[in-house]
Amino acid sequence: MKPAVGAKVTMRGYIANGSDTHPGEITKVHGAGEGALCAVTVHPAGHPDKEFAAIPVYSSRAAARDDIPGATLRHNGYAYLQEEGQ
């Protein structure tokens, strides 16, 4: 998996508007592979966009769940690529 600028993601761990998942997009890529750090702009419903400078991005929700080492990463948030057609 190689994240790309403009790729659509789902952000988890950033809580706003009563939901734990929010759509977003990658704005800068800092690495490659599962858990690569990327800058992400998140679009929470009913709230202004939020910028994250470096959060891990995974190829899928399952890949993120398998790789997350503990509560710290969950607290800081992470994202995974959206499936085509979503």
PDB file of N, CA and C in Angstrom:
ATOM      1  N   MET A   1       0.847  -1.180   0.000  1.00  0.00           N
ATOM      2  CA  MET A   1       0.000   0.000   0.000  1.00  0.00           C
ATOM      3  C   MET A   1       0.885   1.234   0.000  1.00  0.00           C
ATOM      4  N   LYS A   2       0.604   2.135  -0.904  1.00  0.00           N
ATOM      5  CA  LYS A   2       1.314   3.407  -0.949  1.00  0.00           C
ATOM      6  C   LYS A   2       0.267   4.521  -0.949  1.00  0.00           C
ATOM      7  N   PRO A   3       0.147   5.267   0.164  1.00  0.00           N
ATOM      8  CA  PRO A   3      -0.839   6.349   0.200  1.00  0.00           C
ATOM      9  C   PRO A   3      -0.475   7.435  -0.809  1.00  0.00           C
ATOM     10  N   ALA A   4      -1.495   8.123  -1.323  1.00  0.00           N
ATOM     11  CA  ALA A   4      -1.276   9.161  -2.320  1.00  0.00           C
ATOM     12  C   ALA A   4      -2.046  10.420  -1.952  1.00  0.00           C
ATOM     13  N   VAL A   5      -1.489  11.560  -2.319  1.00  0.00           N
ATOM     14  CA  VAL A   5      -2.171  12.834  -2.095  1.00  0.00           C
ATOM     15  C   VAL A   5      -3.513  12.798  -2.825  1.00  0.00           C
ATOM     16  N   GLY A   6      -4.558  13.217  -2.140  1.00  0.00           N
ATOM     17  CA  GLY A   6      -5.901  13.248  -2.702  1.00  0.00           C
ATOM     18  C   GLY A   6      -6.710  11.997  -2.445  1.00  0.00           C
ATOM     19  N   ALA A   7      -6.084  10.926  -1.935  1.00  0.00           N
ATOM     20  CA  ALA A   7      -6.816   9.696  -1.642  1.00  0.00           C
ATOM     21  C   ALA A   7      -7.836   9.947  -0.539  1.00  0.00           C
ATOM     22  N   LYS A   8      -9.017   9.379  -0.691  1.00  0.00           N
ATOM     23  CA  LYS A   8     -10.078   9.513   0.308  1.00  0.00           C
ATOM     24  C   LYS A   8      -9.837   8.521   1.436  1.00  0.00           C
ATOM     25  N   VAL A   9     -10.017   9.000   2.669  1.00  0.00           N
ATOM     26  CA  VAL A   9      -9.816   8.163   3.854  1.00  0.00           C
ATOM     27  C   VAL A   9     -10.993   8.316   4.814  1.00  0.00           C
ATOM     28  N   THR A  10     -11.059   7.389   5.749  1.00  0.00           N
ATOM     29  CA  THR A  10     -11.976   7.502   6.886  1.00  0.00           C
ATOM     30  C   THR A  10     -11.111   7.674   8.115  1.00  0.00           C
ATOM     31  N   MET A  11     -11.346   8.732   8.859  1.00  0.00           N
ATOM     32  CA  MET A  11     -10.583   9.043  10.071  1.00  0.00           C
ATOM     33  C   MET A  11     -11.316   8.479  11.272  1.00  0.00           C
ATOM     34  N   ARG A  12     -10.575   7.825  12.160  1.00  0.00           N
ATOM     35  CA  ARG A  12     -11.139   7.316  13.413  1.00  0.00           C
ATOM     36  C   ARG A  12     -10.338   7.874  14.575  1.00  0.00           C
ATOM     37  N   GLY A  13     -11.011   8.025  15.711  1.00  0.00           N
ATOM     38  CA  GLY A  13     -10.317   8.471  16.915  1.00  0.00           C
ATOM     39  C   GLY A  13     -10.419   9.955  17.175  1.00  0.00           C
ATOM     40  N   TYR A  14     -10.934  10.699  16.211  1.00  0.00           N
ATOM     41  CA  TYR A  14     -11.173  12.130  16.410  1.00  0.00           C
ATOM     42  C   TYR A  14     -12.671  12.280  16.632  1.00  0.00           C
ATOM     43  N   ILE A  15     -13.079  12.631  17.833  1.00  0.00           N
ATOM     44  CA  ILE A  15     -14.499  12.622  18.174  1.00  0.00           C
ATOM     45  C   ILE A  15     -15.080  14.021  18.058  1.00  0.00           C
ATOM     46  N   ALA A  16     -16.097  14.154  17.234  1.00  0.00           N
ATOM     47  CA  ALA A  16     -16.851  15.397  17.078  1.00  0.00           C
ATOM     48  C   ALA A  16     -18.235  15.022  16.575  1.00  0.00           C
ATOM     49  N   ASN A  17     -19.230  15.760  16.970  1.00  0.00           N
ATOM     50  CA  ASN A  17     -20.585  15.553  16.475  1.00  0.00           C
ATOM     51  C   ASN A  17     -21.115  14.152  16.782  1.00  0.00           C
ATOM     52  N   GLY A  18     -20.641  13.539  17.869  1.00  0.00           N
ATOM     53  CA  GLY A  18     -21.173  12.254  18.310  1.00  0.00           C
ATOM     54  C   GLY A  18     -20.751  11.068  17.461  1.00  0.00           C
ATOM     55  N   SER A  19     -19.854  11.247  16.531  1.00  0.00           N
ATOM     56  CA  SER A  19     -19.424  10.146  15.672  1.00  0.00           C
ATOM     57  C   SER A  19     -17.925   9.945  15.816  1.00  0.00           C
ATOM     58  N   ASP A  20     -17.477   8.730  15.656  1.00  0.00           N
ATOM     59  CA  ASP A  20     -16.049   8.443  15.749  1.00  0.00           C
ATOM     60  C   ASP A  20     -15.422   8.228  14.376  1.00  0.00           C
ATOM     61  N   THR A  21     -16.189   8.334  13.305  1.00  0.00           N
ATOM     62  CA  THR A  21     -15.628   8.207  11.964  1.00  0.00           C
ATOM     63  C   THR A  21     -15.994   9.432  11.141  1.00  0.00           C
ATOM     64  N   HIS A  22     -15.029   9.913  10.377  1.00  0.00           N
ATOM     65  CA  HIS A  22     -15.241  11.107   9.569  1.00  0.00           C
ATOM     66  C   HIS A  22     -14.512  10.966   8.240  1.00  0.00           C
ATOM     67  N   PRO A  23     -15.096  11.462   7.154  1.00  0.00           N
ATOM     68  CA  PRO A  23     -14.411  11.412   5.868  1.00  0.00           C
ATOM     69  C   PRO A  23     -13.282  12.424   5.825  1.00  0.00           C
ATOM     70  N   GLY A  24     -12.283  12.117   5.027  1.00  0.00           N
ATOM     71  CA  GLY A  24     -11.163  13.027   4.871  1.00  0.00           C
ATOM     72  C   GLY A  24     -10.380  12.699   3.623  1.00  0.00           C
ATOM     73  N   GLU A  25      -9.277  13.421   3.451  1.00  0.00           N
ATOM     74  CA  GLU A  25      -8.412  13.159   2.314  1.00  0.00           C
ATOM     75  C   GLU A  25      -6.967  13.438   2.695  1.00  0.00           C
ATOM     76  N   ILE A  26      -6.067  12.717   2.058  1.00  0.00           N
ATOM     77  CA  ILE A  26      -4.640  12.883   2.306  1.00  0.00           C
ATOM     78  C   ILE A  26      -4.155  14.142   1.598  1.00  0.00           C
ATOM     79  N   THR A  27      -3.435  14.994   2.335  1.00  0.00           N
ATOM     80  CA  THR A  27      -2.910  16.219   1.733  1.00  0.00           C
ATOM     81  C   THR A  27      -1.389  16.198   1.583  1.00  0.00           C
ATOM     82  N   LYS A  28      -0.716  15.322   2.320  1.00  0.00           N
ATOM     83  CA  LYS A  28       0.737  15.183   2.192  1.00  0.00           C
ATOM     84  C   LYS A  28       1.113  13.797   2.688  1.00  0.00           C
ATOM     85  N   VAL A  29       2.058  13.171   2.024  1.00  0.00           N
ATOM     86  CA  VAL A  29       2.497  11.824   2.392  1.00  0.00           C
ATOM     87  C   VAL A  29       3.918  11.908   2.939  1.00  0.00           C
ATOM     88  N   HIS A  30       4.116  11.326   4.135  1.00  0.00           N
ATOM     89  CA  HIS A  30       5.430  11.345   4.774  1.00  0.00           C
ATOM     90  C   HIS A  30       6.143   9.997   4.685  1.00  0.00           C
ATOM     91  N   GLY A  31       5.467   8.944   4.194  1.00  0.00           N
ATOM     92  CA  GLY A  31       6.074   7.614   4.137  1.00  0.00           C
ATOM     93  C   GLY A  31       5.259   6.681   3.264  1.00  0.00           C
ATOM     94  N   ALA A  32       5.626   5.402   3.277  1.00  0.00           N
ATOM     95  CA  ALA A  32       4.916   4.402   2.471  1.00  0.00           C
ATOM     96  C   ALA A  32       4.666   3.165   3.311  1.00  0.00           C
ATOM     97  N   GLY A  33       3.693   2.368   2.915  1.00  0.00           N
ATOM     98  CA  GLY A  33       3.381   1.129   3.612  1.00  0.00           C
ATOM     99  C   GLY A  33       2.295   1.308   4.665  1.00  0.00           C
ATOM    100  N   GLU A  34       1.923   0.190   5.279  1.00  0.00           N
ATOM    101  CA  GLU A  34       0.888   0.216   6.314  1.00  0.00           C
ATOM    102  C   GLU A  34       1.319   1.120   7.458  1.00  0.00           C
ATOM    103  N   GLY A  35       0.446   2.005   7.856  1.00  0.00           N
ATOM    104  CA  GLY A  35       0.734   2.901   8.977  1.00  0.00           C
ATOM    105  C   GLY A  35       1.608   4.084   8.622  1.00  0.00           C
ATOM    106  N   ALA A  36       1.781   4.337   7.324  1.00  0.00           N
ATOM    107  CA  ALA A  36       2.590   5.478   6.892  1.00  0.00           C
ATOM    108  C   ALA A  36       1.986   6.767   7.435  1.00  0.00           C
ATOM    109  N   LEU A  37       2.828   7.662   7.897  1.00  0.00           N
ATOM    110  CA  LEU A  37       2.340   8.941   8.400  1.00  0.00           C
ATOM    111  C   LEU A  37       1.988   9.854   7.232  1.00  0.00           C
ATOM    112  N   CYS A  38       0.817  10.475   7.339  1.00  0.00           N
ATOM    113  CA  CYS A  38       0.324  11.375   6.301  1.00  0.00           C
ATOM    114  C   CYS A  38      -0.345  12.572   6.951  1.00  0.00           C
ATOM    115  N   ALA A  39      -0.349  13.693   6.240  1.00  0.00           N
ATOM    116  CA  ALA A  39      -1.165  14.833   6.641  1.00  0.00           C
ATOM    117  C   ALA A  39      -2.552  14.589   6.066  1.00  0.00           C
ATOM    118  N   VAL A  40      -3.577  14.770   6.888  1.00  0.00           N
ATOM    119  CA  VAL A  40      -4.952  14.485   6.482  1.00  0.00           C
ATOM    120  C   VAL A  40      -5.851  15.659   6.855  1.00  0.00           C
ATOM    121  N   THR A  41      -6.725  16.051   5.939  1.00  0.00           N
ATOM    122  CA  THR A  41      -7.779  17.018   6.228  1.00  0.00           C
ATOM    123  C   THR A  41      -9.060  16.222   6.433  1.00  0.00           C
ATOM    124  N   VAL A  42      -9.679  16.413   7.598  1.00  0.00           N
ATOM    125  CA  VAL A  42     -10.897  15.678   7.952  1.00  0.00           C
ATOM    126  C   VAL A  42     -12.085  16.619   7.858  1.00  0.00           C
ATOM    127  N   HIS A  43     -13.224  16.082   7.417  1.00  0.00           N
ATOM    128  CA  HIS A  43     -14.437  16.873   7.220  1.00  0.00           C
ATOM    129  C   HIS A  43     -15.552  16.366   8.156  1.00  0.00           C
ATOM    130  N   PRO A  44     -15.500  16.704   9.455  1.00  0.00           N
ATOM    131  CA  PRO A  44     -16.557  16.253  10.369  1.00  0.00           C
ATOM    132  C   PRO A  44     -17.875  16.972  10.076  1.00  0.00           C
ATOM    133  N   ALA A  45     -18.957  16.225  10.042  1.00  0.00           N
ATOM    134  CA  ALA A  45     -20.275  16.798   9.750  1.00  0.00           C
ATOM    135  C   ALA A  45     -20.628  17.866  10.776  1.00  0.00           C
ATOM    136  N   GLY A  46     -21.011  19.036  10.287  1.00  0.00           N
ATOM    137  CA  GLY A  46     -21.453  20.116  11.161  1.00  0.00           C
ATOM    138  C   GLY A  46     -20.338  20.865  11.865  1.00  0.00           C
ATOM    139  N   HIS A  47     -19.093  20.584  11.528  1.00  0.00           N
ATOM    140  CA  HIS A  47     -17.946  21.246  12.149  1.00  0.00           C
ATOM    141  C   HIS A  47     -16.974  21.680  11.065  1.00  0.00           C
ATOM    142  N   PRO A  48     -16.111  22.655  11.364  1.00  0.00           N
ATOM    143  CA  PRO A  48     -15.100  23.043  10.377  1.00  0.00           C
ATOM    144  C   PRO A  48     -14.117  21.900  10.110  1.00  0.00           C
ATOM    145  N   ASP A  49     -13.516  21.927   8.945  1.00  0.00           N
ATOM    146  CA  ASP A  49     -12.491  20.931   8.630  1.00  0.00           C
ATOM    147  C   ASP A  49     -11.384  20.997   9.668  1.00  0.00           C
ATOM    148  N   LYS A  50     -10.736  19.854   9.905  1.00  0.00           N
ATOM    149  CA  LYS A  50      -9.633  19.779  10.869  1.00  0.00           C
ATOM    150  C   LYS A  50      -8.435  19.174  10.166  1.00  0.00           C
ATOM    151  N   GLU A  51      -7.278  19.803  10.373  1.00  0.00           N
ATOM    152  CA  GLU A  51      -6.029  19.346   9.775  1.00  0.00           C
ATOM    153  C   GLU A  51      -5.250  18.495  10.787  1.00  0.00           C
ATOM    154  N   PHE A  52      -4.750  17.374  10.333  1.00  0.00           N
ATOM    155  CA  PHE A  52      -3.856  16.536  11.124  1.00  0.00           C
ATOM    156  C   PHE A  52      -2.535  16.458  10.373  1.00  0.00           C
ATOM    157  N   ALA A  53      -1.439  16.857  10.997  1.00  0.00           N
ATOM    158  CA  ALA A  53      -0.146  16.947  10.314  1.00  0.00           C
ATOM    159  C   ALA A  53       0.480  15.587  10.032  1.00  0.00           C
ATOM    160  N   ALA A  54       0.302  14.641  10.940  1.00  0.00           N
ATOM    161  CA  ALA A  54       0.947  13.334  10.764  1.00  0.00           C
ATOM    162  C   ALA A  54       0.186  12.267  11.536  1.00  0.00           C
ATOM    163  N   ILE A  55      -0.686  11.550  10.833  1.00  0.00           N
ATOM    164  CA  ILE A  55      -1.384  10.425  11.456  1.00  0.00           C
ATOM    165  C   ILE A  55      -1.146   9.190  10.597  1.00  0.00           C
ATOM    166  N   PRO A  56      -1.173   8.003  11.216  1.00  0.00           N
ATOM    167  CA  PRO A  56      -0.956   6.796  10.431  1.00  0.00           C
ATOM    168  C   PRO A  56      -2.162   6.503   9.536  1.00  0.00           C
ATOM    169  N   VAL A  57      -1.868   6.089   8.304  1.00  0.00           N
ATOM    170  CA  VAL A  57      -2.914   5.730   7.344  1.00  0.00           C
ATOM    171  C   VAL A  57      -2.689   4.273   6.935  1.00  0.00           C
ATOM    172  N   TYR A  58      -3.778   3.512   6.920  1.00  0.00           N
ATOM    173  CA  TYR A  58      -3.740   2.083   6.613  1.00  0.00           C
ATOM    174  C   TYR A  58      -4.553   1.790   5.362  1.00  0.00           C
ATOM    175  N   SER A  59      -4.326   0.617   4.783  1.00  0.00           N
ATOM    176  CA  SER A  59      -5.029   0.229   3.561  1.00  0.00           C
ATOM    177  C   SER A  59      -6.487  -0.118   3.834  1.00  0.00           C
ATOM    178  N   SER A  60      -6.819  -0.541   5.055  1.00  0.00           N
ATOM    179  CA  SER A  60      -8.188  -0.928   5.402  1.00  0.00           C
ATOM    180  C   SER A  60      -8.388  -0.812   6.909  1.00  0.00           C
ATOM    181  N   ARG A  61      -9.628  -0.878   7.318  1.00  0.00           N
ATOM    182  CA  ARG A  61      -9.934  -0.833   8.749  1.00  0.00           C
ATOM    183  C   ARG A  61      -9.334  -2.041   9.468  1.00  0.00           C
ATOM    184  N   ALA A  62      -9.393  -3.213   8.820  1.00  0.00           N
ATOM    185  CA  ALA A  62      -8.834  -4.421   9.424  1.00  0.00           C
ATOM    186  C   ALA A  62      -7.324  -4.294   9.610  1.00  0.00           C
ATOM    187  N   ALA A  63      -6.630  -3.740   8.620  1.00  0.00           N
ATOM    188  CA  ALA A  63      -5.179  -3.553   8.733  1.00  0.00           C
ATOM    189  C   ALA A  63      -4.847  -2.610   9.885  1.00  0.00           C
ATOM    190  N   ALA A  64      -5.618  -1.563  10.045  1.00  0.00           N
ATOM    191  CA  ALA A  64      -5.395  -0.627  11.151  1.00  0.00           C
ATOM    192  C   ALA A  64      -5.617  -1.322  12.483  1.00  0.00           C
ATOM    193  N   ARG A  65      -6.685  -2.076  12.586  1.00  0.00           N
ATOM    194  CA  ARG A  65      -7.010  -2.767  13.834  1.00  0.00           C
ATOM    195  C   ARG A  65      -5.913  -3.762  14.204  1.00  0.00           C
ATOM    196  N   ASP A  66      -5.343  -4.436  13.204  1.00  0.00           N
ATOM    197  CA  ASP A  66      -4.290  -5.419  13.466  1.00  0.00           C
ATOM    198  C   ASP A  66      -2.976  -4.767  13.875  1.00  0.00           C
ATOM    199  N   ASP A  67      -2.734  -3.524  13.449  1.00  0.00           N
ATOM    200  CA  ASP A  67      -1.444  -2.875  13.669  1.00  0.00           C
ATOM    201  C   ASP A  67      -1.413  -1.954  14.880  1.00  0.00           C
ATOM    202  N   ILE A  68      -2.557  -1.525  15.370  1.00  0.00           N
ATOM    203  CA  ILE A  68      -2.583  -0.526  16.448  1.00  0.00           C
ATOM    204  C   ILE A  68      -2.033  -1.125  17.741  1.00  0.00           C
ATOM    205  N   PRO A  69      -0.929  -0.539  18.251  1.00  0.00           N
ATOM    206  CA  PRO A  69      -0.273  -1.116  19.420  1.00  0.00           C
ATOM    207  C   PRO A  69      -0.930  -0.791  20.753  1.00  0.00           C
ATOM    208  N   GLY A  70      -1.703   0.285  20.843  1.00  0.00           N
ATOM    209  CA  GLY A  70      -2.269   0.606  22.149  1.00  0.00           C
ATOM    210  C   GLY A  70      -3.111   1.853  22.140  1.00  0.00           C
ATOM    211  N   ALA A  71      -3.485   2.277  23.323  1.00  0.00           N
ATOM    212  CA  ALA A  71      -4.413   3.381  23.499  1.00  0.00           C
ATOM    213  C   ALA A  71      -3.878   4.711  22.989  1.00  0.00           C
ATOM    214  N   THR A  72      -2.558   4.923  23.024  1.00  0.00           N
ATOM    215  CA  THR A  72      -2.002   6.204  22.597  1.00  0.00           C
ATOM    216  C   THR A  72      -2.335   6.485  21.143  1.00  0.00           C
ATOM    217  N   LEU A  73      -2.125   5.505  20.271  1.00  0.00           N
ATOM    218  CA  LEU A  73      -2.414   5.696  18.859  1.00  0.00           C
ATOM    219  C   LEU A  73      -3.908   5.900  18.644  1.00  0.00           C
ATOM    220  N   ARG A  74      -4.730   5.167  19.351  1.00  0.00           N
ATOM    221  CA  ARG A  74      -6.176   5.348  19.220  1.00  0.00           C
ATOM    222  C   ARG A  74      -6.575   6.753  19.645  1.00  0.00           C
ATOM    223  N   HIS A  75      -5.966   7.255  20.709  1.00  0.00           N
ATOM    224  CA  HIS A  75      -6.291   8.588  21.202  1.00  0.00           C
ATOM    225  C   HIS A  75      -5.904   9.658  20.180  1.00  0.00           C
ATOM    226  N   ASN A  76      -4.757   9.489  19.546  1.00  0.00           N
ATOM    227  CA  ASN A  76      -4.274  10.467  18.573  1.00  0.00           C
ATOM    228  C   ASN A  76      -5.004  10.358  17.239  1.00  0.00           C
ATOM    229  N   GLY A  77      -5.637   9.243  16.981  1.00  0.00           N
ATOM    230  CA  GLY A  77      -6.377   9.034  15.753  1.00  0.00           C
ATOM    231  C   GLY A  77      -5.572   8.323  14.687  1.00  0.00           C
ATOM    232  N   TYR A  78      -6.279   7.756  13.740  1.00  0.00           N
ATOM    233  CA  TYR A  78      -5.683   7.087  12.593  1.00  0.00           C
ATOM    234  C   TYR A  78      -6.700   7.108  11.475  1.00  0.00           C
ATOM    235  N   ALA A  79      -6.268   6.758  10.289  1.00  0.00           N
ATOM    236  CA  ALA A  79      -7.164   6.764   9.140  1.00  0.00           C
ATOM    237  C   ALA A  79      -6.915   5.510   8.308  1.00  0.00           C
ATOM    238  N   TYR A  80      -7.910   5.161   7.509  1.00  0.00           N
ATOM    239  CA  TYR A  80      -7.735   4.067   6.548  1.00  0.00           C
ATOM    240  C   TYR A  80      -8.384   4.472   5.240  1.00  0.00           C
ATOM    241  N   LEU A  81      -7.835   3.940   4.145  1.00  0.00           N
ATOM    242  CA  LEU A  81      -8.322   4.281   2.821  1.00  0.00           C
ATOM    243  C   LEU A  81      -9.748   3.807   2.641  1.00  0.00           C
ATOM    244  N   GLN A  82     -10.559   4.626   1.991  1.00  0.00           N
ATOM    245  CA  GLN A  82     -11.926   4.236   1.690  1.00  0.00           C
ATOM    246  C   GLN A  82     -11.934   3.278   0.522  1.00  0.00           C
ATOM    247  N   GLU A  83     -12.871   2.358   0.554  1.00  0.00           N
ATOM    248  CA  GLU A  83     -13.038   1.401  -0.555  1.00  0.00           C
ATOM    249  C   GLU A  83     -13.533   2.136  -1.782  1.00  0.00           C
ATOM    250  N   GLU A  84     -13.150   1.682  -2.954  1.00  0.00           N
ATOM    251  CA  GLU A  84     -13.684   2.259  -4.185  1.00  0.00           C
ATOM    252  C   GLU A  84     -15.190   2.088  -4.196  1.00  0.00           C
ATOM    253  N   GLY A  85     -15.892   3.128  -4.633  1.00  0.00           N
ATOM    254  CA  GLY A  85     -17.349   3.045  -4.722  1.00  0.00           C
ATOM    255  C   GLY A  85     -18.080   3.473  -3.478  1.00  0.00           C
ATOM    256  N   GLN A  86     -17.348   3.828  -2.411  1.00  0.00           N
ATOM    257  CA  GLN A  86     -18.039   4.294  -1.197  1.00  0.00           C
ATOM    258  C   GLN A  86     -18.374   5.735  -1.311  1.00  0.00           C
TER     259      GLN A  86
END
